[in-house]
Amino acid sequence: MELQVLDRFSVCNSTREYSGKKIKWDKGYDEPGRVMERKQSCDVFSGKWVFDNQTYPLYDEADCPYMSDQLACRKHGRSDLRYQHWRWQPHHCDLKRWSVTEMWEKLRGKRLMFVGDSLNRGQWISLICLLQSAIPANKRSITPNSELTIFRAEDYNATIEFLWAPRLVESNSDDPVNHRTSESIMRPDSILRHSSRWEQADILIFNSYLWWRSGPVKLLWSNEENGTCENLDGFRAMELAMTAWADWVASSVDPLTKQVFFVTMSPTHFWKREWEPEAEGNCYGENTPIDSEGFSGSGSDLETMGLVDNILSKLSSKVSVINITQLSEHRKDGHPSIYRKFWETFSPQQLANPSSYSDCIHWCLPGVPDVWNELLFHFL
């Protein structure tokens, strides 16, 4: 039986409750508690944001031809640019000093690929903007936007790529442009569609979080012949997908030849009352970070963090974790809010209330994702 590829037109012929079927993952994982040795013992994820308009931003928004209109906040009317000038300072050490030429040398002859959703795509765009100025215009190119988009730097024989795979496993949201569907369907046991594209990369950076927060998912197992789907909540569906991904890592990754990173959940700032009790609103109008250390909002789900930690702890010899969650929690000022291109049309009522359509998920560039890439540089 030839498997039909899931796309946005796929439907379930019928649905039933979840059968309890699991993904088998029985080879190649580490004993829990065995943590990958870091090059140094300092926790670079624990620190504070320091205003630094001497060094930051590391590039100019207008100078990056690969900038996304979803993230170009100054171009779309944001006049307060303080969000561009914050440096992440770990408490007990310093981050490795960012160097464009050193980063290119690390990437020489290699394929680096981001795999995930629009937040990972933002980090990919950030890295290209951080690096592209060192490459002459006639020696760099980018493929048209598709499931796999590739930036090439000829002089270094290197690529920086982005693969759209918001659920890591095959799903009906795998079209990078038209991925909004009335119901979410995924094949929890089918990772080959994406892994066949990412397995050749030398450096892989994965993320997966927000798509699991948008409601229940329908499972269509590969051996299901009648098109019957099973209903499952987003959390347990994520567990199945992450386990399928972990099985691929455990069985396919040789850490001597391939570096794998997992970027933890990116926080959202939808509820102003979380940092200012009894206040209405969200990230709209915010222009300074939250300074209370250890702040955590409801955008970061503790149960999901626990699930991801548990899986990653069994892969610690093969996967390095880039923990962006806590440091990004403080940056309520870093989102586009209304200062981005929107493809939908808003009603007069919405336009009169900017908070109602503010984007408090993604991040302005230059901005927070540049620091995520400084952390990547630190560990490469």
Protein backbone atom coordinates (compact mmCIF):
# COMPACT_ATOMS: atom_id res chain seq x y z
CA MET A 1 0.00 0.00 0.00
CA GLU A 2 1.47 3.35 -1.08
CA LEU A 3 1.26 5.91 1.70
CA GLN A 4 -0.51 9.10 0.71
CA VAL A 5 1.63 12.11 1.60
CA LEU A 6 -0.17 14.38 4.06
CA ASP A 7 -0.95 17.88 2.82
CA ARG A 8 -3.40 20.64 3.66
CA PHE A 9 -6.15 18.89 1.71
CA SER A 10 -5.82 15.64 3.68
CA VAL A 11 -8.85 14.58 5.72
CA CYS A 12 -9.68 11.78 8.11
CA ASN A 13 -12.34 9.37 6.85
CA SER A 14 -13.43 8.84 10.44
CA THR A 15 -12.07 9.36 13.96
CA ARG A 16 -11.84 7.35 17.16
CA GLU A 17 -10.27 7.87 20.56
CA TYR A 18 -6.54 7.35 21.03
CA SER A 19 -5.64 3.65 21.18
CA GLY A 20 -2.64 4.17 23.46
CA LYS A 21 -0.17 3.08 20.78
CA LYS A 22 3.39 4.27 21.46
CA ILE A 23 6.51 4.92 19.40
CA LYS A 24 9.17 2.29 20.08
CA TRP A 25 12.50 3.78 21.10
CA ASP A 26 14.66 1.01 22.38
CA LYS A 27 18.17 1.55 21.12
CA GLY A 28 21.10 3.84 21.54
CA TYR A 29 20.02 6.15 24.33
CA ASP A 30 22.03 7.29 27.33
CA GLU A 31 21.35 6.51 30.94
CA PRO A 32 19.37 9.44 32.40
CA GLY A 33 21.58 11.84 34.30
CA ARG A 34 24.59 11.48 32.05
CA VAL A 35 25.04 15.03 30.85
CA MET A 36 27.16 16.03 27.87
CA GLU A 37 30.40 17.61 29.00
CA ARG A 38 30.51 21.31 28.23
CA LYS A 39 33.70 23.00 27.15
CA GLN A 40 33.44 25.01 30.35
CA SER A 41 31.50 24.71 33.55
CA CYS A 42 29.83 28.13 33.63
CA ASP A 43 26.07 28.26 33.06
CA VAL A 44 25.79 30.75 30.19
CA PHE A 45 21.99 30.53 30.30
CA SER A 46 21.84 32.17 33.73
CA GLY A 47 22.45 35.88 33.61
CA LYS A 48 20.92 39.30 32.95
CA TRP A 49 20.28 41.70 30.07
CA VAL A 50 22.64 44.69 29.97
CA PHE A 51 21.91 47.78 27.86
CA ASP A 52 24.81 48.13 25.42
CA ASN A 53 24.41 50.56 22.54
CA GLN A 54 28.15 50.48 21.80
CA THR A 55 28.21 46.87 20.56
CA TYR A 56 24.59 46.14 19.68
CA PRO A 57 22.92 45.65 17.31
CA LEU A 58 25.44 43.38 15.56
CA TYR A 59 24.01 44.35 12.15
CA ASP A 60 21.61 46.92 10.70
CA GLU A 61 18.09 45.78 9.81
CA ALA A 62 18.15 47.73 6.53
CA ASP A 63 21.50 46.24 5.48
CA CYS A 64 20.26 42.65 5.48
CA PRO A 65 18.67 41.76 2.13
CA TYR A 66 17.31 38.52 3.60
CA MET A 67 15.27 40.19 6.35
CA SER A 68 11.69 38.96 6.77
CA ASP A 69 8.83 41.48 6.71
CA GLN A 70 7.39 39.56 9.67
CA LEU A 71 10.40 40.56 11.78
CA ALA A 72 11.52 43.94 10.35
CA CYS A 73 10.02 46.07 13.11
CA ARG A 74 11.79 49.35 12.34
CA LYS A 75 10.79 49.16 8.67
CA HIS A 76 7.17 48.67 9.78
CA GLY A 77 7.05 51.71 12.01
CA ARG A 78 8.65 50.88 15.33
CA SER A 79 10.45 54.05 16.38
CA ASP A 80 11.71 53.01 19.83
CA LEU A 81 14.82 50.94 19.00
CA ARG A 82 16.02 50.15 22.53
CA TYR A 83 15.08 46.51 21.91
CA GLN A 84 18.09 46.26 19.55
CA HIS A 85 20.68 47.29 22.16
CA TRP A 86 20.55 44.59 24.83
CA ARG A 87 23.45 42.21 25.49
CA TRP A 88 23.09 38.94 27.37
CA GLN A 89 25.57 38.78 30.24
CA PRO A 90 25.98 35.43 32.07
CA HIS A 91 26.43 35.85 35.83
CA HIS A 92 29.79 34.14 36.32
CA CYS A 93 31.55 34.25 32.95
CA ASP A 94 31.42 35.86 29.52
CA LEU A 95 29.96 34.59 26.30
CA LYS A 96 32.53 33.93 23.60
CA ARG A 97 32.95 37.19 21.69
CA TRP A 98 30.98 37.11 18.45
CA SER A 99 33.20 36.95 15.35
CA VAL A 100 31.81 36.75 11.82
CA THR A 101 35.04 35.37 10.32
CA GLU A 102 35.46 32.78 13.07
CA MET A 103 31.87 31.63 12.60
CA TRP A 104 32.40 31.26 8.85
CA GLU A 105 35.55 29.24 9.52
CA LYS A 106 33.52 26.92 11.75
CA LEU A 107 31.05 26.50 8.87
CA ARG A 108 33.64 26.06 6.10
CA GLY A 109 32.71 23.07 3.90
CA LYS A 110 29.63 22.34 6.03
CA ARG A 111 25.84 22.32 5.83
CA LEU A 112 24.15 23.93 8.83
CA MET A 113 20.39 23.38 8.94
CA PHE A 114 17.65 24.75 11.16
CA VAL A 115 14.63 22.43 11.38
CA GLY A 116 11.32 23.50 12.90
CA ASP A 117 8.71 26.26 12.91
CA SER A 118 8.59 30.03 12.33
CA LEU A 119 10.58 30.74 15.51
CA ASN A 120 13.40 28.56 14.22
CA ARG A 121 13.04 30.29 10.85
CA GLY A 122 13.54 33.61 12.68
CA GLN A 123 16.76 32.27 14.18
CA TRP A 124 17.86 31.14 10.70
CA ILE A 125 17.21 34.63 9.27
CA SER A 126 19.08 36.14 12.23
CA LEU A 127 22.14 33.97 11.53
CA ILE A 128 22.15 34.89 7.83
CA CYS A 129 21.87 38.60 8.72
CA LEU A 130 24.70 38.23 11.24
CA LEU A 131 26.97 36.60 8.63
CA GLN A 132 26.04 37.73 5.12
CA SER A 133 27.95 41.03 5.06
CA ALA A 134 31.29 39.14 4.97
CA ILE A 135 30.37 37.48 1.65
CA PRO A 136 30.54 39.52 -1.60
CA ALA A 137 27.09 39.85 -3.19
CA ASN A 138 28.11 37.83 -6.25
CA LYS A 139 29.37 34.99 -4.04
CA ARG A 140 26.16 34.42 -2.07
CA SER A 141 22.71 33.25 -3.07
CA ILE A 142 19.45 32.05 -1.57
CA THR A 143 16.92 29.63 -3.04
CA PRO A 144 13.24 30.67 -3.32
CA ASN A 145 11.14 30.06 -0.20
CA SER A 146 10.08 26.41 -0.09
CA GLU A 147 10.02 23.55 2.43
CA LEU A 148 13.84 23.64 2.34
CA THR A 149 15.40 27.08 1.79
CA ILE A 150 19.17 27.33 1.30
CA PHE A 151 21.60 30.26 1.72
CA ARG A 152 24.94 29.57 0.01
CA ALA A 153 28.33 31.18 0.62
CA GLU A 154 30.61 30.16 -2.24
CA ASP A 155 33.94 31.19 -0.76
CA TYR A 156 33.40 28.96 2.25
CA ASN A 157 31.60 26.16 0.36
CA ALA A 158 29.02 26.44 3.15
CA THR A 159 25.23 26.54 3.40
CA ILE A 160 22.87 27.83 6.08
CA GLU A 161 19.53 26.11 5.52
CA PHE A 162 16.01 26.09 6.93
CA LEU A 163 13.64 23.12 6.75
CA TRP A 164 10.01 23.82 7.61
CA ALA A 165 8.86 20.93 9.86
CA PRO A 166 6.73 22.42 12.64
CA ARG A 167 5.84 19.03 14.16
CA LEU A 168 9.14 17.28 13.23
CA VAL A 169 7.12 14.28 12.00
CA GLU A 170 5.01 14.33 8.82
CA SER A 171 1.86 16.45 9.13
CA ASN A 172 -0.72 18.30 7.06
CA SER A 173 1.02 21.56 8.02
CA ASP A 174 4.24 20.82 6.13
CA ASP A 175 3.64 23.47 3.44
CA PRO A 176 5.81 26.44 4.54
CA VAL A 177 3.29 28.99 3.22
CA ASN A 178 -0.19 27.42 3.35
CA HIS A 179 -0.07 25.55 6.64
CA ARG A 180 -3.21 26.75 8.40
CA THR A 181 -5.71 23.90 8.42
CA SER A 182 -9.10 23.39 10.07
CA GLU A 183 -7.82 20.23 11.77
CA SER A 184 -4.28 19.10 12.52
CA ILE A 185 -3.31 15.65 11.24
CA MET A 186 0.07 14.00 11.72
CA ARG A 187 1.71 10.63 11.17
CA PRO A 188 3.42 10.06 14.53
CA ASP A 189 5.50 7.16 13.18
CA SER A 190 6.64 8.90 9.99
CA ILE A 191 9.76 11.03 10.32
CA LEU A 192 11.39 9.91 7.06
CA ARG A 193 9.79 12.65 4.95
CA HIS A 194 11.80 15.25 6.88
CA SER A 195 14.79 13.23 8.08
CA SER A 196 15.65 12.27 4.48
CA ARG A 197 16.31 15.99 3.93
CA TRP A 198 18.05 16.82 7.20
CA GLU A 199 20.22 13.69 7.63
CA GLN A 200 22.94 14.99 5.27
CA ALA A 201 23.53 18.18 7.29
CA ASP A 202 26.67 18.50 9.44
CA ILE A 203 25.12 20.81 12.05
CA LEU A 204 21.43 20.53 12.95
CA ILE A 205 19.40 22.92 15.10
CA PHE A 206 15.91 21.69 16.01
CA ASN A 207 12.98 23.26 17.81
CA SER A 208 9.36 22.22 18.47
CA TYR A 209 6.86 23.74 20.86
CA LEU A 210 4.20 26.25 19.85
CA TRP A 211 2.40 24.09 17.32
CA TRP A 212 1.57 21.64 20.11
CA ARG A 213 -0.13 24.42 22.08
CA SER A 214 -2.81 25.08 19.46
CA GLY A 215 -5.25 22.33 20.36
CA PRO A 216 -5.81 18.60 19.77
CA VAL A 217 -4.18 16.62 16.97
CA LYS A 218 -5.49 13.75 14.87
CA LEU A 219 -3.11 10.81 14.49
CA LEU A 220 -3.02 8.88 11.23
CA TRP A 221 -0.74 5.88 11.73
CA SER A 222 1.20 4.64 8.70
CA ASN A 223 -0.40 1.19 8.82
CA GLU A 224 -3.95 2.60 8.99
CA GLU A 225 -5.69 1.39 5.81
CA ASN A 226 -9.15 2.95 6.22
CA GLY A 227 -8.10 6.56 6.84
CA THR A 228 -9.28 6.41 10.45
CA CYS A 229 -7.61 8.97 12.71
CA GLU A 230 -7.21 8.94 16.49
CA ASN A 231 -7.91 12.02 18.63
CA LEU A 232 -5.15 13.12 20.99
CA ASP A 233 -4.36 16.24 23.00
CA GLY A 234 -1.41 18.36 21.91
CA PHE A 235 0.83 17.45 24.85
CA ARG A 236 0.68 13.69 24.29
CA ALA A 237 0.91 14.17 20.52
CA MET A 238 4.13 16.14 21.10
CA GLU A 239 5.46 13.28 23.22
CA LEU A 240 4.89 10.86 20.31
CA ALA A 241 6.58 13.18 17.78
CA MET A 242 9.53 13.93 20.06
CA THR A 243 9.99 10.20 20.69
CA ALA A 244 10.05 9.50 16.93
CA TRP A 245 12.64 12.28 16.56
CA ALA A 246 14.66 10.93 19.51
CA ASP A 247 14.65 7.46 17.97
CA TRP A 248 16.15 8.93 14.78
CA VAL A 249 18.83 10.78 16.79
CA ALA A 250 19.70 7.71 18.89
CA SER A 251 20.00 5.41 15.90
CA SER A 252 21.45 7.77 13.27
CA VAL A 253 23.67 10.43 14.87
CA ASP A 254 27.40 9.95 15.30
CA PRO A 255 28.48 12.90 17.49
CA LEU A 256 31.98 12.72 15.96
CA THR A 257 30.64 13.65 12.52
CA LYS A 258 27.38 15.51 13.24
CA GLN A 259 26.53 18.20 15.79
CA VAL A 260 22.91 18.29 16.92
CA PHE A 261 21.34 21.11 18.97
CA PHE A 262 17.85 21.43 20.41
CA VAL A 263 16.56 24.94 21.12
CA THR A 264 14.13 25.04 24.05
CA MET A 265 10.73 26.73 23.99
CA SER A 266 10.48 30.38 23.01
CA PRO A 267 8.27 32.27 25.48
CA THR A 268 5.27 34.41 24.54
CA HIS A 269 4.04 37.58 26.29
CA PHE A 270 0.26 37.70 25.91
CA TRP A 271 -0.68 38.72 29.47
CA LYS A 272 0.64 42.02 30.80
CA ARG A 273 -0.78 41.18 34.24
CA GLU A 274 1.98 38.57 34.62
CA TRP A 275 4.66 41.28 34.90
CA GLU A 276 2.41 44.14 36.00
CA PRO A 277 -0.34 42.88 38.33
CA GLU A 278 -3.92 43.83 37.36
CA ALA A 279 -2.79 45.57 34.14
CA GLU A 280 -4.64 44.89 30.88
CA GLY A 281 -2.89 44.22 27.59
CA ASN A 282 0.08 42.23 26.31
CA CYS A 283 3.47 42.97 24.72
CA TYR A 284 2.12 45.97 22.78
CA GLY A 285 3.84 49.18 23.90
CA GLU A 286 6.50 47.39 25.98
CA ASN A 287 10.00 48.83 25.55
CA THR A 288 12.11 47.48 28.41
CA PRO A 289 12.91 43.94 29.61
CA ILE A 290 11.41 42.44 32.78
CA ASP A 291 14.11 42.79 35.42
CA SER A 292 12.87 40.41 38.13
CA GLU A 293 15.24 37.46 38.02
CA GLY A 294 13.66 34.08 37.32
CA PHE A 295 10.46 35.58 35.86
CA SER A 296 8.30 32.96 34.18
CA GLY A 297 5.02 33.58 32.36
CA SER A 298 2.25 31.22 31.33
CA GLY A 299 3.63 31.17 27.78
CA SER A 300 6.18 28.60 28.95
CA ASP A 301 4.45 25.37 29.92
CA LEU A 302 6.21 23.55 32.77
CA GLU A 303 4.75 20.14 31.86
CA THR A 304 6.11 20.48 28.32
CA MET A 305 9.51 21.55 29.68
CA GLY A 306 9.57 18.40 31.78
CA LEU A 307 8.69 16.22 28.79
CA VAL A 308 11.44 17.75 26.65
CA ASP A 309 14.01 17.56 29.49
CA ASN A 310 13.23 13.89 30.02
CA ILE A 311 13.74 13.02 26.35
CA LEU A 312 16.85 15.17 25.91
CA SER A 313 18.47 13.73 29.05
CA LYS A 314 18.49 10.32 27.33
CA LEU A 315 20.26 11.84 24.32
CA SER A 316 22.80 13.93 26.18
CA SER A 317 25.85 12.39 24.43
CA LYS A 318 24.35 13.29 21.04
CA VAL A 319 22.35 16.50 21.53
CA SER A 320 23.43 19.82 23.03
CA VAL A 321 20.64 21.93 24.52
CA ILE A 322 20.47 25.67 23.84
CA ASN A 323 18.26 26.86 26.67
CA ILE A 324 16.75 30.11 25.42
CA THR A 325 13.61 29.98 27.59
CA GLN A 326 14.57 31.83 30.76
CA LEU A 327 16.69 34.51 29.12
CA SER A 328 13.95 35.22 26.54
CA GLU A 329 11.24 35.30 29.26
CA HIS A 330 12.55 38.73 30.29
CA ARG A 331 12.18 40.23 26.80
CA LYS A 332 8.56 41.39 26.71
CA ASP A 333 9.91 44.31 24.66
CA GLY A 334 11.38 42.14 21.90
CA HIS A 335 8.25 41.12 19.97
CA PRO A 336 6.97 42.80 16.78
CA SER A 337 3.52 43.52 18.31
CA ILE A 338 1.96 45.65 15.51
CA TYR A 339 5.25 46.57 13.81
CA ARG A 340 5.40 43.91 11.11
CA LYS A 341 3.72 43.00 7.85
CA PHE A 342 0.39 41.24 8.35
CA TRP A 343 -1.15 39.27 5.51
CA GLU A 344 -4.68 39.40 6.91
CA THR A 345 -6.96 42.47 6.97
CA PHE A 346 -8.06 43.92 10.31
CA SER A 347 -11.43 45.40 11.20
CA PRO A 348 -11.76 49.03 12.39
CA GLN A 349 -12.43 47.67 15.91
CA GLN A 350 -9.15 45.73 15.87
CA LEU A 351 -7.20 48.67 14.49
CA ALA A 352 -8.59 50.83 17.30
CA ASN A 353 -7.22 48.30 19.83
CA PRO A 354 -3.64 47.40 18.78
CA SER A 355 -3.27 44.78 21.54
CA SER A 356 -5.99 42.73 19.82
CA TYR A 357 -3.77 41.86 16.86
CA SER A 358 -0.27 42.25 18.35
CA ASP A 359 2.27 39.55 17.57
CA CYS A 360 3.69 38.57 20.97
CA ILE A 361 5.16 35.28 19.67
CA HIS A 362 7.85 36.16 17.13
CA TRP A 363 10.86 38.43 17.70
CA CYS A 364 12.04 41.64 16.02
CA LEU A 365 15.40 41.53 14.23
CA PRO A 366 17.99 42.64 15.15
CA GLY A 367 17.04 41.37 18.59
CA VAL A 368 16.65 38.36 20.86
CA PRO A 369 17.34 35.58 18.27
CA ASP A 370 20.77 37.13 17.61
CA VAL A 371 21.64 36.17 21.19
CA TRP A 372 20.37 32.62 20.57
CA ASN A 373 22.88 32.48 17.71
CA GLU A 374 25.65 33.86 19.93
CA LEU A 375 24.93 30.90 22.22
CA LEU A 376 25.14 28.55 19.22
CA PHE A 377 28.49 30.12 18.29
CA HIS A 378 29.64 29.66 21.90
CA PHE A 379 28.99 25.88 21.72
CA LEU A 380 30.03 25.11 18.14
